[in-house]
Amino acid sequence: MNSRPLEGFTLIELLVAVAVIVILAGLLFPALSAARETARRASCMNNLRQLYLANVMYADENGSYVAAAPDIFTSNLKRWHGARTSTSQPFDGSHGPLAPYLGGSGRIRQCRSFARFANGTAENAFEASCGAYGYNATGVGSLIYSLGYRVEAMSVGGNPAHIRDPSRTVMFADCAFPQPYGNNPKYLIEYSFAEPYHWVFNPGQESAFRPDPSIHFRHNGRANVVWCDGHISSEEMEQKAEDHFTKWNIGWFGPPDNSLFDPY
């Protein structure tokens, strides 16, 4: 009976096969990552659409958009995205003013791309429950442009009929904020205000001073934005702040003024 030696891979052949697999994996991984982020961005857009519709329904019933932070100068227990019984507690999205219009638990769905960053358990995560979305508190969620930055202006949101150009006025956007605050932040937290380029202290006047930015360009360098007419866009960063914001992909889109936040 003839016997033949068993055939198998040589060490060189095994090494070549492993090298080919590694190369193929290296080629496919960026494409898979890009496809995954595309799906996350689409999910984020759907979340923003739900926020827009909830705010519109709120306005239909109440005569104005939801107030961004109606008691921020007093008890500081209410936000557009939630409520709490003590300033030492996190905001509860199920008790927020938009909850009745969001269905299910009433909680705002978190952007899936933000899951890579800090969550509500992180130190100083003071705006948890907003889903990593920020509201145009200056131009839509208050009357700051008509009354100035004071208690009365924060108690109610803007009237939809008074917004001059809804297609060019931000309602909600991807937002975040670096912590600990300073020149060397370690992580990002949820932040519920889409800050304009300049503060507005007096009625209708942009100040020379600017707030820290909060628009988060987390979708492969782009940020999702829903405008007051309901359309959603994907924006690139056009205006940068200090390095400790830029390295976390936080800045502004559009011109270096409040034209995209100003309702009038």
Protein backbone atom coordinates (compact mmCIF):
# COMPACT_ATOMS: atom_id res chain seq x y z
CA MET A 1 0.00 0.00 0.00
CA ASN A 2 1.46 3.33 -1.10
CA SER A 3 1.60 6.06 1.49
CA ARG A 4 1.75 9.74 0.61
CA PRO A 5 2.86 12.48 2.96
CA LEU A 6 0.07 14.70 4.29
CA GLU A 7 -0.04 18.05 2.53
CA GLY A 8 -0.28 21.23 4.60
CA PHE A 9 0.71 24.86 4.75
CA THR A 10 4.30 25.77 5.19
CA LEU A 11 5.23 28.46 7.69
CA ILE A 12 5.87 30.91 4.86
CA GLU A 13 2.46 30.21 3.34
CA LEU A 14 0.78 30.77 6.70
CA LEU A 15 2.59 34.06 7.16
CA VAL A 16 1.59 35.18 3.67
CA ALA A 17 -2.06 34.26 4.34
CA VAL A 18 -2.06 36.16 7.63
CA ALA A 19 -0.47 39.18 5.94
CA VAL A 20 -3.16 39.17 3.24
CA ILE A 21 -5.92 39.00 5.88
CA VAL A 22 -4.38 41.90 7.80
CA ILE A 23 -4.11 44.00 4.63
CA LEU A 24 -7.71 43.26 3.64
CA ALA A 25 -8.92 44.08 7.14
CA GLY A 26 -7.01 47.37 7.01
CA LEU A 27 -8.67 48.22 3.71
CA LEU A 28 -12.16 47.28 4.86
CA PHE A 29 -12.12 48.82 8.34
CA PRO A 30 -12.29 52.48 7.21
CA ALA A 31 -15.17 51.65 4.87
CA LEU A 32 -17.04 49.81 7.63
CA SER A 33 -16.41 52.65 10.08
CA ALA A 34 -17.67 55.19 7.55
CA ALA A 35 -20.79 53.12 6.88
CA ARG A 36 -21.42 52.78 10.62
CA GLU A 37 -21.10 56.53 11.13
CA THR A 38 -23.42 57.18 8.18
CA ALA A 39 -26.05 55.04 9.91
CA ARG A 40 -25.49 56.89 13.18
CA ARG A 41 -25.81 60.26 11.45
CA ALA A 42 -29.11 59.15 9.88
CA SER A 43 -30.37 58.08 13.32
CA CYS A 44 -29.28 61.44 14.75
CA MET A 45 -31.19 63.27 12.02
CA ASN A 46 -34.30 61.30 12.94
CA ASN A 47 -33.86 62.32 16.59
CA LEU A 48 -33.63 65.97 15.56
CA ARG A 49 -36.74 65.61 13.41
CA GLN A 50 -38.63 64.29 16.44
CA LEU A 51 -37.43 67.22 18.55
CA TYR A 52 -38.56 69.66 15.87
CA LEU A 53 -42.02 68.07 15.63
CA ALA A 54 -42.37 67.99 19.42
CA ASN A 55 -41.51 71.67 19.65
CA VAL A 56 -43.96 72.55 16.87
CA MET A 57 -46.75 70.61 18.63
CA TYR A 58 -45.86 72.33 21.89
CA ALA A 59 -46.09 75.72 20.15
CA ASP A 60 -49.45 74.81 18.60
CA GLU A 61 -50.87 74.19 22.07
CA ASN A 62 -49.07 76.92 24.00
CA GLY A 63 -48.66 79.77 21.52
CA SER A 64 -44.86 79.76 21.73
CA TYR A 65 -41.94 77.40 21.43
CA VAL A 66 -40.76 75.65 24.58
CA ALA A 67 -38.68 77.84 26.88
CA ALA A 68 -35.04 76.76 26.99
CA ALA A 69 -34.47 77.43 30.69
CA PRO A 70 -37.40 79.33 32.21
CA ASP A 71 -36.07 79.45 35.79
CA ILE A 72 -32.34 79.62 35.16
CA PHE A 73 -32.06 82.88 37.15
CA THR A 74 -34.06 81.55 40.12
CA SER A 75 -34.52 77.90 41.14
CA ASN A 76 -32.78 76.45 38.05
CA LEU A 77 -34.88 73.28 38.03
CA LYS A 78 -36.37 73.37 34.53
CA ARG A 79 -34.94 72.93 31.04
CA TRP A 80 -36.47 72.30 27.66
CA HIS A 81 -35.25 68.70 27.92
CA GLY A 82 -36.11 67.82 31.54
CA ALA A 83 -36.81 68.82 35.11
CA ARG A 84 -35.41 68.09 38.55
CA THR A 85 -36.39 68.65 42.17
CA SER A 86 -32.96 69.81 43.34
CA THR A 87 -29.91 71.39 41.74
CA SER A 88 -27.87 68.51 43.13
CA GLN A 89 -29.81 66.05 40.97
CA PRO A 90 -29.63 65.38 37.22
CA PHE A 91 -32.45 66.48 34.94
CA ASP A 92 -35.13 63.86 34.33
CA GLY A 93 -36.20 63.81 30.68
CA SER A 94 -39.48 62.04 31.39
CA HIS A 95 -40.69 65.16 33.23
CA GLY A 96 -39.56 67.70 30.65
CA PRO A 97 -42.02 70.00 28.86
CA LEU A 98 -41.60 68.18 25.53
CA ALA A 99 -42.13 64.71 27.04
CA PRO A 100 -45.87 64.54 26.17
CA TYR A 101 -45.00 65.09 22.51
CA LEU A 102 -42.17 62.57 22.21
CA GLY A 103 -44.12 59.35 22.78
CA GLY A 104 -43.15 56.32 24.84
CA SER A 105 -41.17 57.32 27.90
CA GLY A 106 -41.03 60.91 26.69
CA ARG A 107 -37.25 60.89 26.93
CA ILE A 108 -35.09 62.42 24.24
CA ARG A 109 -33.15 59.80 22.30
CA GLN A 110 -29.40 60.23 22.58
CA CYS A 111 -27.27 60.61 19.47
CA ARG A 112 -25.58 57.23 18.96
CA SER A 113 -22.31 58.88 17.93
CA PHE A 114 -22.13 60.58 21.31
CA ALA A 115 -21.95 57.20 23.05
CA ARG A 116 -18.19 57.33 22.51
CA PHE A 117 -18.02 60.26 24.91
CA ALA A 118 -19.02 60.74 28.54
CA ASN A 119 -22.51 59.96 29.78
CA GLY A 120 -24.65 61.32 32.58
CA THR A 121 -22.53 59.63 35.25
CA ALA A 122 -19.41 61.65 34.37
CA GLU A 123 -18.24 64.30 36.79
CA ASN A 124 -20.00 67.65 36.28
CA ALA A 125 -22.38 66.22 33.66
CA PHE A 126 -24.87 68.97 34.46
CA GLU A 127 -26.97 68.78 31.29
CA ALA A 128 -27.68 65.05 31.05
CA SER A 129 -30.99 64.03 29.38
CA CYS A 130 -30.77 66.40 26.40
CA GLY A 131 -29.51 63.60 24.14
CA ALA A 132 -26.37 65.60 23.22
CA TYR A 133 -28.55 68.13 21.38
CA GLY A 134 -28.55 71.87 21.96
CA TYR A 135 -31.44 74.30 21.54
CA ASN A 136 -31.18 77.81 20.12
CA ALA A 137 -31.95 79.29 23.52
CA THR A 138 -31.08 82.85 22.47
CA GLY A 139 -33.22 83.15 19.37
CA VAL A 140 -35.94 80.48 19.65
CA GLY A 141 -36.17 79.27 23.25
CA SER A 142 -36.47 82.73 24.83
CA LEU A 143 -37.34 86.38 24.20
CA ILE A 144 -33.78 87.61 24.68
CA TYR A 145 -33.71 89.36 21.30
CA SER A 146 -36.76 91.42 22.14
CA LEU A 147 -36.32 91.89 25.93
CA GLY A 148 -32.61 91.42 26.57
CA TYR A 149 -30.94 88.90 28.85
CA ARG A 150 -33.15 88.98 31.93
CA VAL A 151 -35.68 86.92 33.90
CA GLU A 152 -38.74 87.87 31.85
CA ALA A 153 -37.02 86.93 28.60
CA MET A 154 -36.28 83.39 29.78
CA SER A 155 -39.76 82.54 31.01
CA VAL A 156 -41.21 81.74 27.57
CA GLY A 157 -40.06 80.67 24.14
CA GLY A 158 -40.40 82.65 20.94
CA ASN A 159 -43.53 82.89 18.82
CA PRO A 160 -43.17 80.86 15.58
CA ALA A 161 -44.97 83.59 13.64
CA HIS A 162 -42.32 86.13 14.63
CA ILE A 163 -39.37 84.27 13.10
CA ARG A 164 -38.43 86.18 9.98
CA ASP A 165 -36.74 83.40 8.02
CA PRO A 166 -37.42 79.92 9.49
CA SER A 167 -35.21 78.21 6.90
CA ARG A 168 -32.22 80.24 8.13
CA THR A 169 -32.86 80.09 11.88
CA VAL A 170 -31.37 77.25 13.93
CA MET A 171 -33.71 75.33 16.23
CA PHE A 172 -31.64 72.35 17.47
CA ALA A 173 -28.12 71.10 16.68
CA ASP A 174 -25.55 68.52 17.74
CA CYS A 175 -23.91 69.95 20.85
CA ALA A 176 -21.46 69.03 23.61
CA PHE A 177 -19.07 70.67 26.05
CA PRO A 178 -15.56 69.72 27.21
CA GLN A 179 -14.84 69.01 30.87
CA PRO A 180 -13.11 69.69 33.19
CA TYR A 181 -13.38 73.29 32.11
CA GLY A 182 -10.06 74.85 31.20
CA ASN A 183 -7.15 74.32 28.86
CA ASN A 184 -6.90 70.54 29.22
CA PRO A 185 -10.36 68.91 29.15
CA LYS A 186 -10.53 65.11 29.40
CA TYR A 187 -14.00 64.28 28.11
CA LEU A 188 -17.22 65.69 26.70
CA ILE A 189 -20.59 66.03 28.38
CA GLU A 190 -24.07 66.68 27.02
CA TYR A 191 -24.87 70.38 26.69
CA SER A 192 -28.36 71.62 25.97
CA PHE A 193 -27.78 75.06 24.40
CA ALA A 194 -26.58 75.73 20.85
CA GLU A 195 -24.58 78.83 21.65
CA PRO A 196 -24.52 81.69 19.11
CA TYR A 197 -21.35 83.49 18.10
CA HIS A 198 -22.04 86.51 20.32
CA TRP A 199 -23.92 87.13 23.55
CA VAL A 200 -27.08 89.25 23.37
CA PHE A 201 -27.44 91.28 26.56
CA ASN A 202 -29.55 94.16 25.23
CA PRO A 203 -32.63 93.87 22.99
CA GLY A 204 -31.65 93.25 19.37
CA GLN A 205 -27.95 93.91 19.90
CA GLU A 206 -25.08 91.48 19.53
CA SER A 207 -22.44 92.01 22.17
CA ALA A 208 -18.73 92.12 21.34
CA PHE A 209 -18.32 89.23 23.77
CA ARG A 210 -18.84 85.65 22.71
CA PRO A 211 -19.85 82.57 24.70
CA ASP A 212 -17.86 79.35 24.56
CA PRO A 213 -18.93 77.33 21.53
CA SER A 214 -21.03 74.18 21.89
CA ILE A 215 -21.77 72.97 18.32
CA HIS A 216 -20.25 69.48 18.11
CA PHE A 217 -19.04 68.32 14.70
CA ARG A 218 -19.05 64.66 15.68
CA HIS A 219 -20.23 63.02 12.45
CA ASN A 220 -16.95 62.73 10.57
CA GLY A 221 -16.33 66.44 11.05
CA ARG A 222 -19.93 67.54 10.50
CA ALA A 223 -22.81 68.57 12.77
CA ASN A 224 -26.49 67.90 12.18
CA VAL A 225 -28.82 70.89 12.46
CA VAL A 226 -32.61 71.16 12.30
CA TRP A 227 -33.91 74.57 11.29
CA CYS A 228 -37.17 76.29 12.17
CA ASP A 229 -38.81 75.27 8.91
CA GLY A 230 -38.12 71.58 9.70
CA HIS A 231 -35.35 70.85 7.20
CA ILE A 232 -32.18 69.19 8.45
CA SER A 233 -28.67 69.92 7.21
CA SER A 234 -25.16 68.64 7.86
CA GLU A 235 -22.75 71.49 8.54
CA GLU A 236 -18.95 71.82 8.58
CA MET A 237 -17.04 73.86 11.14
CA GLU A 238 -16.28 77.32 9.73
CA GLN A 239 -15.41 79.30 12.87
CA LYS A 240 -12.96 77.98 15.45
CA ALA A 241 -12.37 78.86 19.09
CA GLU A 242 -9.46 77.98 21.39
CA ASP A 243 -7.50 74.80 20.76
CA HIS A 244 -9.11 72.94 23.65
CA PHE A 245 -12.47 73.29 21.86
CA THR A 246 -11.22 72.66 18.34
CA LYS A 247 -9.46 69.41 19.26
CA TRP A 248 -12.83 68.09 20.43
CA ASN A 249 -14.46 69.20 17.14
CA ILE A 250 -16.44 71.99 18.80
CA GLY A 251 -16.88 75.36 17.12
CA TRP A 252 -19.39 77.20 14.91
CA PHE A 253 -20.71 76.92 11.37
CA GLY A 254 -21.81 79.82 9.20
CA PRO A 255 -20.60 83.44 9.40
CA PRO A 256 -18.95 84.89 12.54
CA ASP A 257 -22.12 86.57 13.75
CA ASN A 258 -25.56 85.64 15.06
CA SER A 259 -27.35 85.74 11.72
CA LEU A 260 -28.30 82.02 11.90
CA PHE A 261 -29.54 82.34 15.51
CA ASP A 262 -31.30 85.72 15.32
CA PRO A 263 -35.08 85.27 14.83
CA TYR A 264 -35.61 88.80 13.54
